[in-house]
């Protein structure tokens, strides 16, 4: 067994164990920390396969931004996790259905590679040698030429998801004065000025 195989099994084992701890940890902060560990080991697996660009993207984007954002959101928001877990049985059938679909897809992929090993060799866009084209440049060529519309659609989906998350988590506190520009522009002298007649010797 070579050194590369040893590191592969090490990274894969830690990644799978950390992924299991993400869904089994009782503390949500611990779940996010285990998620960061999953990203680290996944980046190591990408490096072993020669996809250094994807490994750096995983470290910079997912760990440096997304996972840290999850951690801050979990720590700063006052979320009642006991109330969230109370409706677990209600959504258990849907979760079980999704799990069965994912398991069936994995069986089809693994079974297809076992039944027809030549299917993995039929690559429509082979990876060029590093001397001709670097891995990052080849990935950019494929992503921004053949799959440019799918790339734009995925960006639009992420934008809609971000707006939805902001709308769902935005809470307006009561007894807080907020600026309403439309009401300010629509003001008239009748609504902006109040004339009070004060009798002599009396205050307002």
N, C-alpha and C. Protein backbone atom coordinates (compact mmCIF):
# COMPACT_ATOMS: atom_id res chain seq x y z
N UNK A 1 0.85 -1.19 0.00
CA UNK A 1 0.00 0.00 0.00
C UNK A 1 0.89 1.25 0.00
N UNK A 2 0.65 2.12 -0.98
CA UNK A 2 1.47 3.30 -1.10
C UNK A 2 1.06 4.39 -0.11
N UNK A 3 1.89 5.42 -0.08
CA UNK A 3 1.61 6.53 0.84
C UNK A 3 0.34 7.27 0.45
N UNK A 4 0.09 7.37 -0.85
CA UNK A 4 -1.12 8.05 -1.30
C UNK A 4 -2.38 7.30 -0.86
N UNK A 5 -2.34 5.97 -0.89
CA UNK A 5 -3.49 5.18 -0.45
C UNK A 5 -3.71 5.33 1.06
N UNK A 6 -2.62 5.42 1.81
CA UNK A 6 -2.75 5.60 3.27
C UNK A 6 -3.44 6.92 3.57
N UNK A 7 -3.01 7.99 2.91
CA UNK A 7 -3.64 9.29 3.14
C UNK A 7 -5.09 9.30 2.67
N UNK A 8 -5.37 8.58 1.57
CA UNK A 8 -6.75 8.53 1.08
C UNK A 8 -7.68 7.90 2.12
N UNK A 9 -7.28 6.74 2.67
CA UNK A 9 -8.12 6.08 3.66
C UNK A 9 -8.21 6.90 4.94
N UNK A 10 -7.14 7.60 5.30
CA UNK A 10 -7.16 8.44 6.49
C UNK A 10 -8.15 9.59 6.32
N UNK A 11 -8.04 10.32 5.21
CA UNK A 11 -8.94 11.45 4.96
C UNK A 11 -10.39 10.97 4.81
N UNK A 12 -10.59 9.84 4.12
CA UNK A 12 -11.94 9.34 3.90
C UNK A 12 -12.58 8.91 5.21
N UNK A 13 -11.83 8.22 6.06
CA UNK A 13 -12.38 7.76 7.34
C UNK A 13 -12.75 8.94 8.23
N UNK A 14 -11.87 9.93 8.33
CA UNK A 14 -12.16 11.09 9.17
C UNK A 14 -13.34 11.88 8.61
N UNK A 15 -13.43 11.99 7.27
CA UNK A 15 -14.54 12.73 6.66
C UNK A 15 -15.88 12.05 6.93
N UNK A 16 -15.93 10.73 6.79
CA UNK A 16 -17.18 10.00 7.02
C UNK A 16 -17.57 10.05 8.50
N UNK A 17 -16.58 9.88 9.39
CA UNK A 17 -16.87 9.94 10.82
C UNK A 17 -17.34 11.34 11.23
N UNK A 18 -16.72 12.37 10.68
CA UNK A 18 -17.14 13.74 11.01
C UNK A 18 -18.52 14.04 10.45
N UNK A 19 -18.83 13.52 9.25
CA UNK A 19 -20.16 13.73 8.69
C UNK A 19 -21.23 13.07 9.56
N UNK A 20 -20.91 11.91 10.11
CA UNK A 20 -21.86 11.26 11.01
C UNK A 20 -22.05 12.09 12.29
N UNK A 21 -20.97 12.69 12.78
CA UNK A 21 -21.06 13.50 13.99
C UNK A 21 -21.82 14.80 13.74
N UNK A 22 -21.84 15.27 12.49
CA UNK A 22 -22.59 16.49 12.18
C UNK A 22 -24.07 16.29 12.46
N UNK A 23 -24.60 15.15 12.13
CA UNK A 23 -26.04 14.90 12.30
C UNK A 23 -26.37 14.27 13.64
N UNK A 24 -25.36 13.78 14.37
CA UNK A 24 -25.63 13.12 15.65
C UNK A 24 -25.27 13.96 16.86
N UNK A 25 -24.52 15.03 16.69
CA UNK A 25 -24.12 15.86 17.82
C UNK A 25 -25.34 16.62 18.35
N UNK A 26 -25.44 16.69 19.67
CA UNK A 26 -26.56 17.39 20.29
C UNK A 26 -26.37 18.90 20.26
N UNK A 27 -25.15 19.34 20.39
CA UNK A 27 -24.87 20.77 20.38
C UNK A 27 -24.70 21.24 18.94
N UNK A 28 -25.47 22.22 18.48
CA UNK A 28 -25.34 22.68 17.09
C UNK A 28 -23.99 23.32 16.79
N UNK A 29 -23.35 23.91 17.79
CA UNK A 29 -22.02 24.48 17.56
C UNK A 29 -21.02 23.36 17.26
N UNK A 30 -21.13 22.25 17.96
CA UNK A 30 -20.26 21.11 17.69
C UNK A 30 -20.54 20.55 16.28
N UNK A 31 -21.79 20.59 15.86
CA UNK A 31 -22.11 20.12 14.51
C UNK A 31 -21.41 20.96 13.45
N UNK A 32 -21.39 22.27 13.64
CA UNK A 32 -20.71 23.14 12.67
C UNK A 32 -19.21 22.89 12.69
N UNK A 33 -18.64 22.67 13.86
CA UNK A 33 -17.20 22.38 13.94
C UNK A 33 -16.87 21.06 13.24
N UNK A 34 -17.70 20.05 13.41
CA UNK A 34 -17.49 18.80 12.70
C UNK A 34 -17.66 18.99 11.19
N UNK A 35 -18.57 19.89 10.79
CA UNK A 35 -18.73 20.19 9.37
C UNK A 35 -17.46 20.81 8.79
N UNK A 36 -16.83 21.69 9.55
CA UNK A 36 -15.56 22.28 9.10
C UNK A 36 -14.50 21.19 8.94
N UNK A 37 -14.49 20.21 9.85
CA UNK A 37 -13.54 19.10 9.75
C UNK A 37 -13.82 18.26 8.50
N UNK A 38 -15.09 18.09 8.16
CA UNK A 38 -15.44 17.38 6.92
C UNK A 38 -14.89 18.11 5.71
N UNK A 39 -15.02 19.44 5.69
CA UNK A 39 -14.51 20.22 4.56
C UNK A 39 -12.99 20.11 4.45
N UNK A 40 -12.29 20.10 5.57
CA UNK A 40 -10.83 19.98 5.55
C UNK A 40 -10.40 18.65 4.94
N UNK A 41 -11.03 17.56 5.37
CA UNK A 41 -10.65 16.26 4.84
C UNK A 41 -11.08 16.09 3.39
N UNK A 42 -12.20 16.70 3.01
CA UNK A 42 -12.61 16.65 1.60
C UNK A 42 -11.61 17.40 0.72
N UNK A 43 -11.09 18.52 1.24
CA UNK A 43 -10.05 19.23 0.50
C UNK A 43 -8.80 18.37 0.35
N UNK A 44 -8.45 17.60 1.38
CA UNK A 44 -7.32 16.68 1.25
C UNK A 44 -7.56 15.62 0.20
N UNK A 45 -8.79 15.12 0.10
CA UNK A 45 -9.11 14.14 -0.94
C UNK A 45 -9.01 14.75 -2.33
N UNK A 46 -9.44 15.99 -2.47
CA UNK A 46 -9.31 16.67 -3.77
C UNK A 46 -7.85 16.84 -4.15
N UNK A 47 -6.99 17.15 -3.17
CA UNK A 47 -5.57 17.30 -3.46
C UNK A 47 -4.97 15.97 -3.92
N UNK A 48 -5.41 14.87 -3.33
CA UNK A 48 -4.88 13.57 -3.73
C UNK A 48 -5.26 13.22 -5.17
N UNK A 49 -6.42 13.67 -5.61
CA UNK A 49 -6.85 13.38 -6.98
C UNK A 49 -6.31 14.38 -8.00
N UNK A 50 -5.57 15.39 -7.55
CA UNK A 50 -5.00 16.36 -8.46
C UNK A 50 -5.88 17.56 -8.73
N UNK A 51 -6.99 17.70 -8.03
CA UNK A 51 -7.90 18.85 -8.22
C UNK A 51 -7.57 19.91 -7.17
N UNK A 52 -6.43 20.56 -7.35
CA UNK A 52 -5.99 21.54 -6.33
C UNK A 52 -6.88 22.77 -6.31
N UNK A 53 -7.46 23.13 -7.44
CA UNK A 53 -8.33 24.31 -7.47
C UNK A 53 -9.59 24.07 -6.64
N UNK A 54 -10.20 22.90 -6.79
CA UNK A 54 -11.39 22.59 -6.00
C UNK A 54 -11.06 22.51 -4.51
N UNK A 55 -9.87 22.02 -4.18
CA UNK A 55 -9.47 21.97 -2.77
C UNK A 55 -9.34 23.37 -2.19
N UNK A 56 -8.74 24.29 -2.93
CA UNK A 56 -8.60 25.65 -2.42
C UNK A 56 -9.95 26.35 -2.33
N UNK A 57 -10.82 26.09 -3.31
CA UNK A 57 -12.16 26.67 -3.25
C UNK A 57 -12.91 26.16 -2.03
N UNK A 58 -12.75 24.87 -1.73
CA UNK A 58 -13.42 24.29 -0.57
C UNK A 58 -12.92 24.93 0.71
N UNK A 59 -11.62 25.20 0.79
CA UNK A 59 -11.08 25.81 2.00
C UNK A 59 -11.47 27.27 2.12
N UNK A 60 -11.35 28.01 1.03
CA UNK A 60 -11.57 29.46 1.08
C UNK A 60 -13.05 29.80 1.19
N UNK A 61 -13.87 29.17 0.33
CA UNK A 61 -15.28 29.54 0.26
C UNK A 61 -16.08 28.87 1.37
N UNK A 62 -15.99 27.55 1.46
CA UNK A 62 -16.87 26.84 2.38
C UNK A 62 -16.43 26.97 3.83
N UNK A 63 -15.14 26.83 4.08
CA UNK A 63 -14.68 26.95 5.46
C UNK A 63 -14.52 28.40 5.85
N UNK A 64 -13.95 29.21 4.97
CA UNK A 64 -13.69 30.61 5.31
C UNK A 64 -14.93 31.47 5.34
N UNK A 65 -15.99 31.06 4.66
CA UNK A 65 -17.19 31.92 4.59
C UNK A 65 -18.43 31.19 5.09
N UNK A 66 -18.78 30.10 4.43
CA UNK A 66 -20.07 29.46 4.71
C UNK A 66 -20.09 28.84 6.10
N UNK A 67 -19.09 28.02 6.42
CA UNK A 67 -19.10 27.34 7.72
C UNK A 67 -18.96 28.33 8.87
N UNK A 68 -18.10 29.34 8.69
CA UNK A 68 -17.96 30.36 9.74
C UNK A 68 -19.25 31.15 9.90
N UNK A 69 -19.94 31.41 8.78
CA UNK A 69 -21.23 32.10 8.86
C UNK A 69 -22.25 31.24 9.61
N UNK A 70 -22.28 29.94 9.32
CA UNK A 70 -23.16 29.04 10.08
C UNK A 70 -22.86 29.11 11.57
N UNK A 71 -21.57 29.12 11.90
CA UNK A 71 -21.17 29.13 13.30
C UNK A 71 -21.64 30.40 13.99
N UNK A 72 -21.47 31.54 13.34
CA UNK A 72 -21.90 32.80 13.94
C UNK A 72 -23.42 32.87 14.05
N UNK A 73 -24.12 32.37 13.05
CA UNK A 73 -25.59 32.39 13.10
C UNK A 73 -26.10 31.52 14.23
N UNK A 74 -25.51 30.34 14.39
CA UNK A 74 -25.95 29.43 15.46
C UNK A 74 -25.65 30.03 16.83
N UNK A 75 -24.51 30.69 16.96
CA UNK A 75 -24.11 31.22 18.26
C UNK A 75 -24.84 32.51 18.61
N UNK A 76 -25.21 33.31 17.61
CA UNK A 76 -25.79 34.63 17.88
C UNK A 76 -27.30 34.60 17.94
N UNK A 77 -27.95 33.75 17.15
CA UNK A 77 -29.40 33.73 17.14
C UNK A 77 -29.91 32.94 18.34
N UNK A 78 -30.96 33.41 18.90
CA UNK A 78 -31.58 32.72 20.04
C UNK A 78 -32.58 31.70 19.51
N UNK A 79 -32.07 30.54 19.12
CA UNK A 79 -32.90 29.50 18.50
C UNK A 79 -33.27 28.47 19.56
N UNK A 80 -34.53 28.15 19.64
CA UNK A 80 -35.01 27.13 20.57
C UNK A 80 -34.91 25.78 19.86
N UNK A 81 -33.78 25.08 20.08
CA UNK A 81 -33.56 23.81 19.40
C UNK A 81 -34.47 22.71 19.93
N UNK A 82 -34.90 22.84 21.17
CA UNK A 82 -35.84 21.85 21.70
C UNK A 82 -37.16 21.90 20.94
N UNK A 83 -37.60 23.10 20.61
CA UNK A 83 -38.83 23.25 19.83
C UNK A 83 -38.67 22.74 18.42
N UNK A 84 -37.46 22.94 17.83
CA UNK A 84 -37.22 22.45 16.49
C UNK A 84 -37.22 20.92 16.45
N UNK A 85 -36.65 20.30 17.48
CA UNK A 85 -36.60 18.83 17.50
C UNK A 85 -37.96 18.22 17.81
N UNK A 86 -38.87 19.02 18.36
CA UNK A 86 -40.17 18.46 18.72
C UNK A 86 -40.96 18.02 17.49
N UNK A 87 -40.75 18.64 16.33
CA UNK A 87 -41.46 18.26 15.12
C UNK A 87 -40.68 17.29 14.25
N UNK A 88 -39.73 16.55 14.85
CA UNK A 88 -38.91 15.64 14.07
C UNK A 88 -39.74 14.50 13.49
N UNK A 89 -40.62 13.92 14.31
CA UNK A 89 -41.42 12.79 13.85
C UNK A 89 -42.38 13.19 12.74
N UNK A 90 -42.76 14.45 12.70
CA UNK A 90 -43.68 14.91 11.67
C UNK A 90 -43.03 14.86 10.29
N UNK A 91 -41.73 15.18 10.23
CA UNK A 91 -41.02 15.20 8.95
C UNK A 91 -40.21 13.94 8.71
N UNK A 92 -40.31 12.96 9.62
CA UNK A 92 -39.53 11.73 9.46
C UNK A 92 -39.89 10.97 8.19
N UNK A 93 -41.17 10.82 7.79
CA UNK A 93 -41.46 10.09 6.54
C UNK A 93 -40.84 10.74 5.31
N UNK A 94 -40.88 12.08 5.24
CA UNK A 94 -40.28 12.76 4.09
C UNK A 94 -38.77 12.55 4.08
N UNK A 95 -38.14 12.65 5.27
CA UNK A 95 -36.71 12.42 5.34
C UNK A 95 -36.33 11.00 4.97
N UNK A 96 -37.15 10.04 5.39
CA UNK A 96 -36.88 8.64 5.03
C UNK A 96 -37.02 8.42 3.52
N UNK A 97 -38.01 9.08 2.90
CA UNK A 97 -38.18 8.95 1.46
C UNK A 97 -36.98 9.52 0.71
N UNK A 98 -36.51 10.69 1.14
CA UNK A 98 -35.34 11.28 0.49
C UNK A 98 -34.10 10.41 0.69
N UNK A 99 -33.97 9.83 1.89
CA UNK A 99 -32.84 8.93 2.14
C UNK A 99 -32.88 7.69 1.25
N UNK A 100 -34.06 7.14 1.04
CA UNK A 100 -34.18 5.98 0.16
C UNK A 100 -33.84 6.34 -1.29
N UNK A 101 -34.24 7.53 -1.73
CA UNK A 101 -33.92 7.95 -3.10
C UNK A 101 -32.41 8.10 -3.27
N UNK A 102 -31.76 8.73 -2.28
CA UNK A 102 -30.30 8.89 -2.35
C UNK A 102 -29.60 7.53 -2.32
N UNK A 103 -30.09 6.62 -1.47
CA UNK A 103 -29.49 5.29 -1.41
C UNK A 103 -29.65 4.55 -2.75
N UNK A 104 -30.83 4.70 -3.38
CA UNK A 104 -31.04 4.06 -4.68
C UNK A 104 -30.11 4.64 -5.74
N UNK A 105 -29.89 5.94 -5.70
CA UNK A 105 -28.97 6.55 -6.67
C UNK A 105 -27.54 6.05 -6.46
N UNK A 106 -27.13 5.92 -5.21
CA UNK A 106 -25.78 5.39 -4.95
C UNK A 106 -25.64 3.96 -5.43
N UNK A 107 -26.68 3.15 -5.20
CA UNK A 107 -26.63 1.76 -5.67
C UNK A 107 -26.55 1.71 -7.19
N UNK A 108 -27.29 2.58 -7.87
CA UNK A 108 -27.25 2.59 -9.34
C UNK A 108 -25.87 3.00 -9.85
N UNK A 109 -25.27 4.01 -9.20
CA UNK A 109 -23.95 4.46 -9.65
C UNK A 109 -22.90 3.38 -9.42
N UNK A 110 -22.88 2.80 -8.21
CA UNK A 110 -21.89 1.77 -7.91
C UNK A 110 -22.15 0.52 -8.74
N UNK A 111 -23.42 0.14 -8.85
CA UNK A 111 -23.74 -1.04 -9.65
C UNK A 111 -23.42 -0.86 -11.12
N UNK A 112 -23.63 0.36 -11.64
CA UNK A 112 -23.31 0.60 -13.04
C UNK A 112 -21.82 0.50 -13.31
N UNK A 113 -21.00 1.01 -12.38
CA UNK A 113 -19.56 0.92 -12.57
C UNK A 113 -19.06 -0.52 -12.45
N UNK A 114 -19.77 -1.36 -11.67
CA UNK A 114 -19.36 -2.76 -11.53
C UNK A 114 -19.80 -3.57 -12.74
N UNK A 115 -21.03 -3.33 -13.22
CA UNK A 115 -21.54 -4.09 -14.35
C UNK A 115 -20.85 -3.71 -15.65
N UNK A 116 -20.58 -2.43 -15.83
CA UNK A 116 -19.94 -1.97 -17.07
C UNK A 116 -18.74 -1.10 -16.72
N UNK A 117 -17.58 -1.68 -16.48
CA UNK A 117 -16.40 -0.87 -16.12
C UNK A 117 -15.95 0.07 -17.23
N UNK A 118 -16.33 -0.23 -18.48
CA UNK A 118 -15.90 0.64 -19.57
C UNK A 118 -16.64 1.97 -19.58
N UNK A 119 -17.72 2.08 -18.79
CA UNK A 119 -18.46 3.34 -18.77
C UNK A 119 -17.64 4.47 -18.17
N UNK A 120 -16.79 4.14 -17.19
CA UNK A 120 -15.97 5.18 -16.57
C UNK A 120 -14.90 5.70 -17.52
N UNK A 121 -14.53 4.90 -18.53
CA UNK A 121 -13.49 5.32 -19.47
C UNK A 121 -14.03 6.18 -20.59
N UNK A 122 -15.34 6.18 -20.78
CA UNK A 122 -15.93 6.97 -21.86
C UNK A 122 -16.16 8.40 -21.40
N UNK A 123 -15.10 9.15 -21.29
CA UNK A 123 -15.15 10.54 -20.83
C UNK A 123 -15.30 11.44 -22.05
N UNK A 124 -16.32 12.26 -22.04
CA UNK A 124 -16.56 13.13 -23.20
C UNK A 124 -15.54 14.26 -23.28
N UNK A 125 -15.06 14.73 -22.14
CA UNK A 125 -14.07 15.81 -22.11
C UNK A 125 -12.88 15.36 -21.29
N UNK A 126 -11.92 14.70 -21.89
CA UNK A 126 -10.77 14.20 -21.12
C UNK A 126 -9.95 15.35 -20.54
N UNK A 127 -9.33 15.07 -19.41
CA UNK A 127 -8.50 16.07 -18.74
C UNK A 127 -7.18 16.20 -19.48
N UNK A 128 -6.80 17.40 -19.90
CA UNK A 128 -5.52 17.55 -20.61
C UNK A 128 -4.35 17.38 -19.66
N UNK A 129 -3.21 17.09 -20.22
CA UNK A 129 -2.00 16.93 -19.41
C UNK A 129 -1.59 18.29 -18.83
N UNK A 130 -0.97 18.31 -17.65
CA UNK A 130 -0.56 19.59 -17.05
C UNK A 130 0.38 20.39 -17.92
N UNK A 131 1.13 19.71 -18.80
CA UNK A 131 2.05 20.45 -19.67
C UNK A 131 1.30 21.26 -20.72
N UNK A 132 0.12 20.77 -21.13
CA UNK A 132 -0.67 21.46 -22.15
C UNK A 132 -1.58 22.51 -21.53
N UNK A 133 -2.28 22.13 -20.49
CA UNK A 133 -3.26 23.01 -19.87
C UNK A 133 -3.34 22.67 -18.39
N UNK A 134 -3.32 23.67 -17.54
CA UNK A 134 -3.41 23.41 -16.11
C UNK A 134 -4.83 22.98 -15.74
N UNK A 135 -4.93 22.40 -14.56
CA UNK A 135 -6.22 21.90 -14.10
C UNK A 135 -7.23 23.03 -13.95
N UNK A 136 -6.80 24.16 -13.38
CA UNK A 136 -7.69 25.30 -13.18
C UNK A 136 -8.16 25.89 -14.50
N UNK A 137 -7.24 26.03 -15.45
CA UNK A 137 -7.61 26.58 -16.75
C UNK A 137 -8.55 25.65 -17.51
N UNK A 138 -8.32 24.34 -17.43
CA UNK A 138 -9.21 23.39 -18.11
C UNK A 138 -10.59 23.41 -17.49
N UNK A 139 -10.65 23.52 -16.17
CA UNK A 139 -11.95 23.60 -15.50
C UNK A 139 -12.70 24.87 -15.90
N UNK A 140 -11.98 25.98 -15.99
CA UNK A 140 -12.61 27.23 -16.42
C UNK A 140 -13.11 27.17 -17.85
N UNK A 141 -12.35 26.52 -18.72
CA UNK A 141 -12.79 26.38 -20.12
C UNK A 141 -14.10 25.63 -20.22
N UNK A 142 -14.20 24.53 -19.48
CA UNK A 142 -15.42 23.72 -19.54
C UNK A 142 -16.59 24.44 -18.87
N UNK A 143 -16.31 25.09 -17.75
CA UNK A 143 -17.39 25.70 -16.96
C UNK A 143 -17.99 26.91 -17.67
N UNK A 144 -17.15 27.73 -18.29
CA UNK A 144 -17.62 28.98 -18.89
C UNK A 144 -17.89 28.88 -20.39
N UNK A 145 -17.82 27.69 -20.95
CA UNK A 145 -18.16 27.51 -22.37
C UNK A 145 -19.33 26.53 -22.52
N UNK A 146 -19.11 25.28 -22.15
CA UNK A 146 -20.15 24.27 -22.36
C UNK A 146 -21.27 24.36 -21.32
N UNK A 147 -20.93 24.80 -20.10
CA UNK A 147 -21.92 24.81 -19.02
C UNK A 147 -22.15 26.22 -18.48
N UNK A 148 -22.02 27.21 -19.32
CA UNK A 148 -22.14 28.58 -18.84
C UNK A 148 -23.58 28.90 -18.40
N UNK A 149 -24.57 28.37 -19.11
CA UNK A 149 -25.96 28.65 -18.73
C UNK A 149 -26.33 27.96 -17.42
N UNK A 150 -25.85 26.73 -17.24
CA UNK A 150 -26.10 26.05 -15.96
C UNK A 150 -25.39 26.77 -14.81
N UNK A 151 -24.23 27.32 -15.11
CA UNK A 151 -23.50 28.07 -14.08
C UNK A 151 -24.27 29.32 -13.68
N UNK A 152 -24.85 30.02 -14.64
CA UNK A 152 -25.65 31.20 -14.34
C UNK A 152 -26.92 30.83 -13.58
N UNK A 153 -27.55 29.73 -13.95
CA UNK A 153 -28.76 29.28 -13.24
C UNK A 153 -28.44 28.93 -11.80
N UNK A 154 -27.32 28.27 -11.57
CA UNK A 154 -26.93 27.94 -10.20
C UNK A 154 -26.67 29.20 -9.38
N UNK A 155 -26.07 30.21 -10.00
CA UNK A 155 -25.90 31.49 -9.29
C UNK A 155 -27.22 32.15 -8.96
N UNK A 156 -28.19 32.06 -9.87
CA UNK A 156 -29.51 32.62 -9.60
C UNK A 156 -30.21 31.88 -8.48
N UNK A 157 -30.07 30.55 -8.44
CA UNK A 157 -30.67 29.76 -7.35
C UNK A 157 -30.06 30.15 -6.01
N UNK A 158 -28.75 30.33 -5.97
CA UNK A 158 -28.10 30.74 -4.73
C UNK A 158 -28.55 32.14 -4.30
N UNK A 159 -28.77 33.03 -5.27
CA UNK A 159 -29.24 34.37 -4.94
C UNK A 159 -30.64 34.32 -4.34
N UNK A 160 -31.52 33.52 -4.93
CA UNK A 160 -32.88 33.38 -4.39
C UNK A 160 -32.84 32.76 -2.99
N UNK A 161 -31.96 31.78 -2.79
CA UNK A 161 -31.83 31.15 -1.47
C UNK A 161 -31.33 32.16 -0.44
N UNK A 162 -30.40 33.01 -0.83
CA UNK A 162 -29.88 34.02 0.09
C UNK A 162 -30.96 35.02 0.47
N UNK A 163 -31.74 35.47 -0.51
CA UNK A 163 -32.83 36.41 -0.23
C UNK A 163 -33.88 35.75 0.67
N UNK A 164 -34.21 34.50 0.39
CA UNK A 164 -35.17 33.79 1.23
C UNK A 164 -34.70 33.63 2.66
N UNK A 165 -33.40 33.34 2.83
CA UNK A 165 -32.86 33.20 4.19
C UNK A 165 -32.91 34.52 4.94
N UNK A 166 -32.63 35.62 4.22
CA UNK A 166 -32.69 36.94 4.87
C UNK A 166 -34.12 37.28 5.27
N UNK A 167 -35.07 37.00 4.39
CA UNK A 167 -36.47 37.31 4.68
C UNK A 167 -36.98 36.48 5.85
N UNK A 168 -36.59 35.20 5.92
CA UNK A 168 -37.08 34.33 6.98
C UNK A 168 -36.48 34.68 8.34
N UNK A 169 -35.24 35.14 8.36
CA UNK A 169 -34.58 35.43 9.63
C UNK A 169 -34.70 36.88 10.07
N UNK A 170 -35.23 37.75 9.20
CA UNK A 170 -35.35 39.16 9.56
C UNK A 170 -36.53 39.34 10.51
N UNK A 171 -36.25 39.88 11.67
CA UNK A 171 -37.28 40.08 12.68
C UNK A 171 -37.33 41.57 13.05
N UNK A 172 -38.52 42.15 12.97
CA UNK A 172 -38.71 43.55 13.33
C UNK A 172 -39.08 43.63 14.81
N UNK A 173 -38.25 44.30 15.55
CA UNK A 173 -38.52 44.48 16.97
C UNK A 173 -39.56 45.57 17.17
N UNK A 174 -40.40 45.36 18.16
CA UNK A 174 -41.43 46.33 18.46
C UNK A 174 -40.83 47.51 19.23
N UNK A 175 -41.57 48.63 19.21
CA UNK A 175 -41.18 49.86 19.91
C UNK A 175 -39.84 50.41 19.40
N UNK A 176 -39.55 50.17 18.12
CA UNK A 176 -38.34 50.71 17.50
C UNK A 176 -38.76 51.59 16.34
N UNK A 177 -38.37 52.86 16.36
CA UNK A 177 -38.73 53.78 15.29
C UNK A 177 -37.89 53.50 14.05
N UNK A 178 -38.56 53.35 12.92
CA UNK A 178 -37.88 53.08 11.66
C UNK A 178 -38.26 54.15 10.63
N UNK A 179 -37.36 54.40 9.74
CA UNK A 179 -37.59 55.42 8.72
C UNK A 179 -38.42 54.83 7.58
N UNK A 180 -39.49 55.54 7.24
CA UNK A 180 -40.36 55.16 6.13
C UNK A 180 -40.30 56.28 5.10
N UNK A 181 -39.52 56.07 4.06
CA UNK A 181 -39.27 57.13 3.08
C UNK A 181 -40.53 57.49 2.32
N UNK A 182 -41.37 56.52 2.01
CA UNK A 182 -42.59 56.81 1.25
C UNK A 182 -43.52 57.73 2.04
N UNK A 183 -43.62 57.50 3.35
CA UNK A 183 -44.46 58.38 4.16
C UNK A 183 -43.86 59.77 4.27
N UNK A 184 -42.54 59.86 4.32
CA UNK A 184 -41.91 61.18 4.40
C UNK A 184 -42.11 61.98 3.13
N UNK A 185 -42.03 61.30 1.99
CA UNK A 185 -42.21 62.00 0.71
C UNK A 185 -43.67 62.42 0.54
N UNK A 186 -44.60 61.62 1.05
CA UNK A 186 -46.04 61.92 0.88
C UNK A 186 -46.58 62.90 1.90
N UNK A 187 -45.73 63.46 2.71
CA UNK A 187 -46.21 64.41 3.73
C UNK A 187 -46.72 65.70 3.08
N UNK A 188 -47.76 66.25 3.65
CA UNK A 188 -48.35 67.51 3.21
C UNK A 188 -48.35 68.48 4.39
N UNK A 189 -48.53 69.75 4.11
CA UNK A 189 -48.60 70.70 5.25
C UNK A 189 -49.70 70.36 6.24
N UNK A 190 -50.78 69.76 5.76
CA UNK A 190 -51.87 69.43 6.68
C UNK A 190 -51.48 68.32 7.65
N UNK A 191 -50.65 67.38 7.18
CA UNK A 191 -50.23 66.28 8.05
C UNK A 191 -48.94 66.59 8.79
N UNK A 192 -48.14 67.53 8.30
CA UNK A 192 -46.85 67.81 8.92
C UNK A 192 -46.94 68.89 9.99
N UNK A 193 -47.94 69.78 9.88
CA UNK A 193 -48.05 70.91 10.81
C UNK A 193 -49.34 70.80 11.59
N UNK A 194 -49.25 70.96 12.85
CA UNK A 194 -50.42 70.94 13.72
C UNK A 194 -50.52 72.29 14.44
N UNK A 195 -51.61 72.98 14.20
CA UNK A 195 -51.82 74.30 14.78
C UNK A 195 -52.62 74.13 16.08
N UNK A 196 -52.08 74.61 17.17
CA UNK A 196 -52.70 74.47 18.49
C UNK A 196 -52.95 75.87 19.01
N UNK A 197 -54.20 76.11 19.35
CA UNK A 197 -54.56 77.41 19.94
C UNK A 197 -54.41 77.34 21.46
N UNK A 198 -53.56 78.19 21.96
CA UNK A 198 -53.27 78.19 23.39
C UNK A 198 -53.92 79.42 24.01
N UNK A 199 -54.68 79.17 25.04
CA UNK A 199 -55.31 80.28 25.76
C UNK A 199 -54.27 81.10 26.51
N UNK A 200 -54.54 82.39 26.70
CA UNK A 200 -53.58 83.23 27.45
C UNK A 200 -53.38 82.72 28.86
N UNK A 201 -52.11 82.61 29.24
CA UNK A 201 -51.77 82.16 30.58
C UNK A 201 -51.68 80.66 30.76
N UNK A 202 -51.84 79.92 29.68
CA UNK A 202 -51.77 78.46 29.76
C UNK A 202 -50.69 77.95 28.80
N UNK A 203 -50.14 76.82 29.19
CA UNK A 203 -49.14 76.19 28.33
C UNK A 203 -49.78 75.20 27.41
N UNK A 204 -48.98 74.55 26.68
CA UNK A 204 -49.47 73.53 25.75
C UNK A 204 -49.83 72.27 26.50
